[in-house]
C-alpha cells in the first residue's frame, strides 16, 4: 500500500504542469543555501550521505543516515540581502524518511517615493519557502522522493503565493560508490498573483551523477540542468553590435557546442586521508557564459568551499563567483541531535 501511495505521489504533480502559463516567477526558490551545493558549482543532486542540506531540492537523497540530523544555514548574498534557513530529517521505520526545511530571504528596506519623487516612507521585501519532503527506498538501489514547497512572496503591497513540488528518483550502488538522479523541479502553479496576471514557475528537469574514485579520496559530480529547454542563454545577452569602422550591424551567433555546454555543471570533492576535512570546487558554464564580461571574465563561474568537523558539529563554507560585482558566501552548521540524547 505504501508503495502505491509513493507512485501516485510521484506522478500526480506532473498532471498540473500544463496548467501553468506566462513568464516565470518565484525564481528565489532556486537560490542555493547549502555551502556544499554552491561549492560544487550550484548543483549536487546525486550525492547520498548524511548531509541534510541537500534534500530541500532533491528529496530522493533522503536516507536513514540522516535520521535526526539538523542543519542551520546562512548566506551573505548580494548587497545587503540575507538568506537564512534550516533543514531537519527524521526517519519513521517502516514508512520512510521525512524532512522539513525553511528558506527565508530578506531584501532589506527600500525608500518609498511617490510619482513626484517625494519620499513617503519605506517598505520591505521578503520571500519564504517552506519545504516538506518524503523519501522511500523501493529496493537497495533505487529511492523515490517527493517534496512540497510553499512559496510566499511579499514586495511592499504586492503579495504572491504558490505551491510547487520536486519529484526525483536516485540510483545508488554502494560498492561502486556511484549515484545518479533524475529530478523534476518546481512543478506547480501560482495560487495568488502579484497582479491580475498569473505567472509560471521556473520548471527544470535535471540529471546528475557522481562517483567516488576507488583509489583516490575524490568524488566528481556532473549535473545536466534545464533538459526541458535547449537554448537557455539570457535574453539580455548582447547578440549584435555595430562595427565602428564600417557601420555595419554584426550578428553574434552562439555555436551549438557552447549552447549545449550551458547545461553542464562540474563539481569535485576531495576528502584528504578520508578524514573529516573536505575541499570542494566547481564550475558552472551557464553562469560563466551569461554573467562574465568579455573584456574581463575573471573567475566568474568558478566556486570553491571547505568543510570540516569539530567535536559533534560539521561546519561548511563556500564562495561562488556569480559576477564581478559579487560573490555570495554560504555557511552552515550541522549536527545529529541523537548525540545530545535528543
Protein backbone atom coordinates (compact mmCIF):
# COMPACT_ATOMS: atom_id res chain seq x y z
CA UNK A 1 0.00 0.00 0.00
CA UNK A 2 2.83 2.40 0.88
CA UNK A 3 4.50 1.81 -2.48
CA UNK A 4 1.23 2.57 -4.32
CA UNK A 5 0.92 5.87 -2.45
CA UNK A 6 4.51 6.77 -3.34
CA UNK A 7 3.96 6.02 -7.04
CA UNK A 8 0.79 8.15 -7.08
CA UNK A 9 2.60 10.99 -5.30
CA UNK A 10 5.49 10.67 -7.75
CA UNK A 11 3.37 11.15 -10.87
CA UNK A 12 0.49 13.34 -9.62
CA UNK A 13 2.41 16.67 -9.73
CA UNK A 14 3.18 16.11 -13.42
CA UNK A 15 -0.53 16.41 -14.18
CA UNK A 16 -0.65 20.09 -13.20
CA UNK A 17 2.40 21.10 -15.21
CA UNK A 18 0.45 22.03 -18.34
CA UNK A 19 -1.91 24.27 -16.36
CA UNK A 20 0.72 26.92 -15.80
CA UNK A 21 1.47 29.61 -18.37
CA UNK A 22 3.01 33.03 -18.71
CA UNK A 23 6.50 34.02 -17.61
CA UNK A 24 8.50 32.65 -14.71
CA UNK A 25 8.07 33.93 -11.19
CA UNK A 26 9.33 32.74 -7.79
CA UNK A 27 12.90 32.32 -9.05
CA UNK A 28 14.04 32.66 -5.43
CA UNK A 29 13.08 29.00 -4.93
CA UNK A 30 16.31 28.10 -6.77
CA UNK A 31 18.60 30.19 -4.56
CA UNK A 32 21.01 27.64 -3.09
CA UNK A 33 21.56 27.75 0.67
CA UNK A 34 23.80 24.72 1.01
CA UNK A 35 27.54 25.54 1.03
CA UNK A 36 28.21 22.10 -0.40
CA UNK A 37 25.90 22.70 -3.36
CA UNK A 38 27.30 26.14 -4.06
CA UNK A 39 30.91 24.99 -3.73
CA UNK A 40 30.33 22.29 -6.35
CA UNK A 41 29.04 24.70 -8.98
CA UNK A 42 25.47 25.26 -7.85
CA UNK A 43 24.08 21.75 -8.07
CA UNK A 44 24.71 18.46 -6.26
CA UNK A 45 21.69 16.25 -6.85
CA UNK A 46 23.48 12.89 -6.87
CA UNK A 47 25.25 12.59 -3.51
CA UNK A 48 23.89 10.18 -0.93
CA UNK A 49 25.26 10.51 2.60
CA UNK A 50 24.11 12.22 5.82
CA UNK A 51 24.15 15.82 4.52
CA UNK A 52 20.63 17.17 5.15
CA UNK A 53 21.38 20.45 3.35
CA UNK A 54 20.99 18.61 0.02
CA UNK A 55 17.41 17.42 0.41
CA UNK A 56 15.47 20.67 0.02
CA UNK A 57 15.80 20.41 -3.76
CA UNK A 58 16.33 16.64 -4.17
CA UNK A 59 14.04 14.56 -1.92
CA UNK A 60 15.24 11.17 -3.22
CA UNK A 61 18.54 11.79 -1.41
CA UNK A 62 16.72 11.27 1.89
CA UNK A 63 18.08 8.18 3.62
CA UNK A 64 18.35 6.54 7.04
CA UNK A 65 21.82 8.01 7.70
CA UNK A 66 20.15 11.43 8.01
CA UNK A 67 17.90 10.40 10.88
CA UNK A 68 17.67 13.20 13.49
CA UNK A 69 20.12 15.42 11.59
CA UNK A 70 19.66 19.18 11.91
CA UNK A 71 21.40 21.94 9.97
CA UNK A 72 21.26 25.74 10.12
CA UNK A 73 22.31 27.73 7.07
CA UNK A 74 23.02 31.37 6.30
CA UNK A 75 24.02 33.10 3.07
CA UNK A 76 25.59 36.51 2.73
CA UNK A 77 24.03 37.22 -0.66
CA UNK A 78 24.45 40.26 -2.89
CA UNK A 79 24.41 43.77 -1.38
CA UNK A 80 22.59 43.63 1.96
CA UNK A 81 20.39 40.65 1.03
CA UNK A 82 20.47 37.89 3.67
CA UNK A 83 19.22 34.31 3.38
CA UNK A 84 18.54 32.09 6.38
CA UNK A 85 17.32 28.54 6.64
CA UNK A 86 17.32 25.17 8.35
CA UNK A 87 16.75 21.51 7.47
CA UNK A 88 15.72 18.64 9.70
CA UNK A 89 15.26 14.96 8.84
CA UNK A 90 13.51 12.17 10.74
CA UNK A 91 13.13 8.52 9.81
CA UNK A 92 9.95 6.64 10.64
CA UNK A 93 10.74 2.95 10.45
CA UNK A 94 8.53 1.02 8.08
CA UNK A 95 7.24 4.23 6.48
CA UNK A 96 10.10 6.30 5.12
CA UNK A 97 12.27 9.34 5.74
CA UNK A 98 10.71 12.78 6.23
CA UNK A 99 12.26 16.25 6.05
CA UNK A 100 11.25 19.78 6.96
CA UNK A 101 13.11 22.82 5.63
CA UNK A 102 12.79 26.58 5.63
CA UNK A 103 14.42 29.24 3.46
CA UNK A 104 13.81 32.93 4.18
CA UNK A 105 15.17 35.78 2.06
CA UNK A 106 15.21 39.34 3.38
CA UNK A 107 15.97 42.05 0.81
CA UNK A 108 16.12 44.84 3.36
CA UNK A 109 14.31 48.18 3.48
CA UNK A 110 13.68 50.45 0.49
CA UNK A 111 12.72 54.09 0.15
CA UNK A 112 9.11 54.61 -0.84
CA UNK A 113 8.77 57.57 -3.21
CA UNK A 114 5.67 58.88 -4.95
CA UNK A 115 5.43 59.72 -8.65
CA UNK A 116 6.92 63.17 -8.00
CA UNK A 117 9.96 61.70 -6.27
CA UNK A 118 8.92 62.71 -2.76
CA UNK A 119 9.86 60.29 0.00
CA UNK A 120 6.76 58.97 1.75
CA UNK A 121 8.37 56.36 3.93
CA UNK A 122 9.92 52.95 3.41
CA UNK A 123 8.89 49.40 2.65
CA UNK A 124 10.39 45.93 2.90
CA UNK A 125 10.60 42.92 0.60
CA UNK A 126 10.99 39.27 1.54
CA UNK A 127 10.40 35.71 0.33
CA UNK A 128 9.94 32.40 2.13
CA UNK A 129 9.99 28.74 1.10
CA UNK A 130 8.66 26.03 3.43
CA UNK A 131 9.52 22.51 2.26
CA UNK A 132 8.14 19.18 3.43
CA UNK A 133 9.80 16.13 1.90
CA UNK A 134 9.45 12.36 1.86
CA UNK A 135 11.80 9.67 0.57
CA UNK A 136 11.23 5.93 0.32
CA UNK A 137 13.60 3.23 -0.99
CA UNK A 138 11.98 0.85 -3.47
CA UNK A 139 14.87 -1.56 -3.14
CA UNK A 140 18.53 -1.47 -2.09
CA UNK A 141 19.50 0.66 -5.11
CA UNK A 142 16.56 2.93 -6.01
CA UNK A 143 14.93 5.64 -3.89
CA UNK A 144 11.94 7.80 -4.84
CA UNK A 145 11.35 11.18 -3.26
CA UNK A 146 8.83 13.98 -3.40
CA UNK A 147 8.58 17.30 -1.60
CA UNK A 148 6.04 20.07 -1.39
CA UNK A 149 7.20 23.69 -1.45
CA UNK A 150 5.02 26.50 -0.13
CA UNK A 151 6.27 29.73 -1.73
CA UNK A 152 5.36 33.08 -0.22
CA UNK A 153 6.47 36.45 -1.54
CA UNK A 154 5.80 39.99 -0.27
CA UNK A 155 7.11 43.14 -2.01
CA UNK A 156 5.58 46.26 -0.45
CA UNK A 157 1.81 45.79 -1.01
CA UNK A 158 2.29 43.12 -3.67
CA UNK A 159 1.80 39.57 -2.43
CA UNK A 160 2.02 36.23 -4.18
CA UNK A 161 1.72 32.61 -3.12
CA UNK A 162 2.42 29.35 -4.94
CA UNK A 163 2.64 25.64 -4.29
CA UNK A 164 5.20 23.52 -6.06
CA UNK A 165 6.75 20.09 -5.89
CA UNK A 166 10.10 18.49 -6.65
CA UNK A 167 10.00 14.84 -7.70
CA UNK A 168 13.14 12.76 -8.03
CA UNK A 169 14.49 9.23 -8.31
CA UNK A 170 18.01 8.22 -7.29
CA UNK A 171 20.04 5.12 -8.06
CA UNK A 172 22.83 4.26 -5.63
CA UNK A 173 25.42 1.49 -5.94
CA UNK A 174 27.21 1.28 -2.60
CA UNK A 175 30.06 -0.97 -3.75
CA UNK A 176 30.96 1.24 -6.70
CA UNK A 177 30.15 4.46 -4.81
CA UNK A 178 28.09 5.60 -7.79
CA UNK A 179 24.91 7.68 -7.67
CA UNK A 180 22.64 9.03 -10.38
CA UNK A 181 19.49 11.13 -10.01
CA UNK A 182 16.68 12.31 -12.25
CA UNK A 183 14.98 15.40 -10.85
CA UNK A 184 11.85 17.32 -11.88
CA UNK A 185 11.98 20.73 -10.17
CA UNK A 186 9.29 23.31 -9.46
CA UNK A 187 6.22 21.50 -10.73
CA UNK A 188 3.24 23.55 -9.63
CA UNK A 189 1.30 26.74 -10.02
CA UNK A 190 0.77 30.19 -8.63
CA UNK A 191 -2.33 30.47 -6.45
CA UNK A 192 -2.13 34.17 -5.59
CA UNK A 193 -0.60 36.56 -8.13
CA UNK A 194 1.20 39.86 -7.60
CA UNK A 195 -1.23 41.45 -10.09
CA UNK A 196 -4.12 40.17 -12.19
CA UNK A 197 -1.81 38.03 -14.35
CA UNK A 198 -0.58 34.69 -13.04
CA UNK A 199 2.93 33.58 -13.92
CA UNK A 200 4.61 30.20 -14.28
CA UNK A 201 7.24 28.72 -12.01
CA UNK A 202 10.84 28.05 -13.17
CA UNK A 203 10.31 24.40 -14.16
CA UNK A 204 13.54 22.46 -14.64
CA UNK A 205 14.47 18.86 -15.46
CA UNK A 206 17.90 17.78 -14.22
CA UNK A 207 20.02 14.66 -14.43
CA UNK A 208 23.07 14.22 -12.27
CA UNK A 209 25.66 11.62 -11.45
CA UNK A 210 28.55 11.34 -9.04
CA UNK A 211 31.19 8.76 -8.27
CA UNK A 212 33.85 8.39 -5.63
CA UNK A 213 37.11 7.09 -7.07
CA UNK A 214 38.32 3.74 -5.81
CA UNK A 215 41.96 4.57 -5.18
CA UNK A 216 41.68 8.28 -4.52
CA UNK A 217 39.55 10.09 -1.86
CA UNK A 218 37.89 12.21 -4.53
CA UNK A 219 34.30 12.44 -5.72
CA UNK A 220 33.33 14.03 -9.02
CA UNK A 221 29.87 15.32 -9.83
CA UNK A 222 28.22 16.14 -13.17
CA UNK A 223 24.81 17.79 -13.41
CA UNK A 224 22.85 18.48 -16.59
CA UNK A 225 20.16 21.09 -15.96
CA UNK A 226 17.26 22.58 -17.94
CA UNK A 227 16.96 19.49 -20.08
CA UNK A 228 13.44 20.62 -20.95
CA UNK A 229 14.81 23.59 -22.93
CA UNK A 230 17.86 23.60 -25.19
CA UNK A 231 18.54 27.31 -25.62
CA UNK A 232 18.81 28.82 -22.13
CA UNK A 233 21.04 31.81 -22.77
CA UNK A 234 19.98 35.09 -21.20
CA UNK A 235 17.67 37.29 -23.33
CA UNK A 236 19.77 40.25 -22.12
CA UNK A 237 22.98 38.85 -23.59
CA UNK A 238 24.38 41.03 -26.39
CA UNK A 239 23.58 39.30 -29.71
CA UNK A 240 24.61 42.05 -32.14
CA UNK A 241 26.93 45.02 -32.34
CA UNK A 242 27.80 47.79 -34.78
CA UNK A 243 31.20 47.70 -36.46
CA UNK A 244 32.74 51.09 -35.63
CA UNK A 245 34.79 51.04 -38.83
CA UNK A 246 32.17 50.01 -41.39
CA UNK A 247 28.97 50.93 -39.56
CA UNK A 248 27.55 47.52 -40.41
CA UNK A 249 25.47 45.55 -37.94
CA UNK A 250 27.25 42.33 -36.95
CA UNK A 251 25.25 39.41 -35.57
CA UNK A 252 26.98 37.42 -32.82
CA UNK A 253 25.79 33.84 -33.14
CA UNK A 254 26.50 31.23 -30.50
CA UNK A 255 27.75 27.80 -31.52
CA UNK A 256 25.68 24.70 -30.80
CA UNK A 257 28.50 23.34 -28.64
CA UNK A 258 28.50 26.45 -26.44
CA UNK A 259 24.71 26.34 -26.13
CA UNK A 260 24.93 22.70 -25.08
CA UNK A 261 27.68 23.38 -22.52
CA UNK A 262 25.39 25.84 -20.72
CA UNK A 263 23.52 22.81 -19.38
CA UNK A 264 26.56 21.34 -17.62
CA UNK A 265 27.79 21.89 -14.06
CA UNK A 266 31.02 20.24 -12.93
CA UNK A 267 31.91 19.68 -9.28
CA UNK A 268 34.52 17.87 -7.25
CA UNK A 269 35.10 16.99 -3.60
CA UNK A 270 38.43 15.92 -2.12
CA UNK A 271 38.50 14.16 1.24
CA UNK A 272 42.22 14.07 2.19
CA UNK A 273 43.18 10.93 4.13
CA UNK A 274 39.43 10.12 4.20
CA UNK A 275 39.09 12.07 7.43
CA UNK A 276 36.77 14.92 8.43
CA UNK A 277 38.22 17.55 6.07
CA UNK A 278 36.60 18.23 2.67
CA UNK A 279 37.90 20.51 -0.09
CA UNK A 280 35.42 21.33 -2.84
CA UNK A 281 35.33 23.12 -6.16
CA UNK A 282 33.05 23.57 -9.14
CA UNK A 283 32.42 25.27 -12.45
CA UNK A 284 29.10 26.49 -13.86
CA UNK A 285 29.18 27.01 -17.65
CA UNK A 286 25.84 28.82 -17.77
CA UNK A 287 26.93 31.30 -15.14
CA UNK A 288 30.26 31.82 -16.90
CA UNK A 289 28.77 32.47 -20.33
CA UNK A 290 25.95 34.77 -19.19
CA UNK A 291 27.42 36.68 -16.25
CA UNK A 292 31.06 37.30 -17.18
CA UNK A 293 32.40 40.32 -19.06
CA UNK A 294 34.09 39.52 -22.37
CA UNK A 295 36.86 42.02 -21.58
CA UNK A 296 37.50 40.71 -18.06
CA UNK A 297 35.87 37.34 -17.29
CA UNK A 298 37.94 36.81 -14.14
CA UNK A 299 36.75 33.82 -12.06
CA UNK A 300 33.04 34.13 -12.85
CA UNK A 301 31.53 30.65 -12.94
CA UNK A 302 34.05 29.13 -10.53
CA UNK A 303 33.26 28.21 -6.93
CA UNK A 304 35.05 26.62 -4.01
CA UNK A 305 34.43 25.55 -0.44
CA UNK A 306 35.65 23.74 2.62
CA UNK A 307 34.05 21.51 5.24
CA UNK A 308 35.30 20.04 8.48
CA UNK A 309 34.11 18.52 11.73
CA UNK A 310 34.64 19.99 15.17
CA UNK A 311 33.51 17.82 18.07
CA UNK A 312 29.85 16.98 17.38
CA UNK A 313 29.36 19.66 14.72
CA UNK A 314 30.04 19.85 10.98
CA UNK A 315 30.93 23.26 9.58
CA UNK A 316 30.84 24.16 5.89
CA UNK A 317 31.70 27.28 3.93
CA UNK A 318 31.59 28.17 0.23
CA UNK A 319 32.15 31.14 -2.05
CA UNK A 320 30.74 31.23 -5.57
CA UNK A 321 31.66 33.84 -8.18
CA UNK A 322 28.44 34.89 -9.90
CA UNK A 323 29.69 38.19 -11.30
CA UNK A 324 32.48 40.71 -10.85
CA UNK A 325 30.12 42.72 -8.66
CA UNK A 326 29.55 39.99 -6.11
CA UNK A 327 30.26 36.51 -4.82
CA UNK A 328 27.84 35.05 -2.22
CA UNK A 329 29.25 33.42 0.91
CA UNK A 330 27.41 30.39 2.30
CA UNK A 331 27.78 28.97 5.81
CA UNK A 332 26.20 26.00 7.57
CA UNK A 333 26.47 24.17 10.86
CA UNK A 334 25.00 20.69 11.26
CA UNK A 335 24.77 18.07 13.97
CA UNK A 336 22.88 14.94 14.91
CA UNK A 337 20.53 15.53 17.82
CA UNK A 338 20.92 11.92 18.93
CA UNK A 339 24.47 12.70 20.10
CA UNK A 340 22.89 15.06 22.63
CA UNK A 341 20.39 12.45 23.80
CA UNK A 342 17.51 14.10 21.92
